[in-house]
Amino acid sequence: MMLYWALVFFVIALIAGALGFGGIASATSGIAQILFFLFLVLFAISLIMGLVRRR
């Protein structure tokens, strides 16, 4: 779900950048970047926890 929202904010940033709204584009791309890295961290934690539980 978090990856979905990161992609949504990325698309909004692309559209805003294409239309010339620089401030909105940079803000939404920043949000998308934060959400994407948060997704990666949570994904890595869930993988580690899954490997630990198998043992």
Protein backbone atom coordinates (compact mmCIF):
# COMPACT_ATOMS: atom_id res chain seq x y z
CA MET A 1 0.00 0.00 0.00
CA MET A 2 2.84 2.36 0.80
CA LEU A 3 4.48 1.68 -2.55
CA TYR A 4 1.16 2.57 -4.20
CA TRP A 5 1.14 5.98 -2.51
CA ALA A 6 4.77 6.59 -3.43
CA LEU A 7 3.86 5.93 -7.07
CA VAL A 8 0.82 8.21 -6.83
CA PHE A 9 2.91 11.09 -5.49
CA PHE A 10 5.54 10.39 -8.18
CA VAL A 11 2.92 10.65 -10.92
CA ILE A 12 1.55 13.87 -9.39
CA ALA A 13 5.10 15.27 -9.33
CA LEU A 14 5.61 14.37 -13.00
CA ILE A 15 2.34 16.01 -14.03
CA ALA A 16 3.04 19.13 -11.95
CA GLY A 17 6.54 19.37 -13.36
CA ALA A 18 5.25 19.06 -16.92
CA LEU A 19 2.72 21.83 -16.33
CA GLY A 20 5.32 24.15 -14.80
CA PHE A 21 4.37 24.00 -11.14
CA GLY A 22 7.90 23.69 -9.76
CA GLY A 23 7.09 24.05 -6.07
CA ILE A 24 4.34 21.46 -6.10
CA ALA A 25 6.47 19.09 -8.18
CA SER A 26 9.40 19.26 -5.77
CA ALA A 27 7.16 18.80 -2.74
CA THR A 28 5.36 15.77 -4.12
CA SER A 29 8.56 14.20 -5.38
CA GLY A 30 10.03 14.63 -1.90
CA ILE A 31 7.02 12.90 -0.38
CA ALA A 32 7.26 10.10 -2.94
CA GLN A 33 10.95 9.63 -2.18
CA ILE A 34 10.34 9.45 1.58
CA LEU A 35 7.51 6.95 1.16
CA PHE A 36 9.58 4.80 -1.19
CA PHE A 37 12.55 4.61 1.18
CA LEU A 38 10.21 3.92 4.11
CA PHE A 39 8.71 1.09 2.05
CA LEU A 40 12.18 -0.32 1.39
CA VAL A 41 13.08 -0.23 5.09
CA LEU A 42 9.85 -1.92 6.14
CA PHE A 43 10.27 -4.52 3.38
CA ALA A 44 13.80 -5.32 4.55
CA ILE A 45 12.62 -5.61 8.17
CA SER A 46 9.80 -7.96 7.18
CA LEU A 47 12.23 -10.13 5.19
CA ILE A 48 14.61 -10.37 8.13
CA MET A 49 11.78 -11.16 10.54
CA GLY A 50 10.52 -13.86 8.17
CA LEU A 51 13.95 -15.47 8.00
CA VAL A 52 14.32 -15.37 11.78
CA ARG A 53 10.92 -17.02 12.34
CA ARG A 54 11.73 -19.95 10.03
CA ARG A 55 14.54 -21.10 12.30
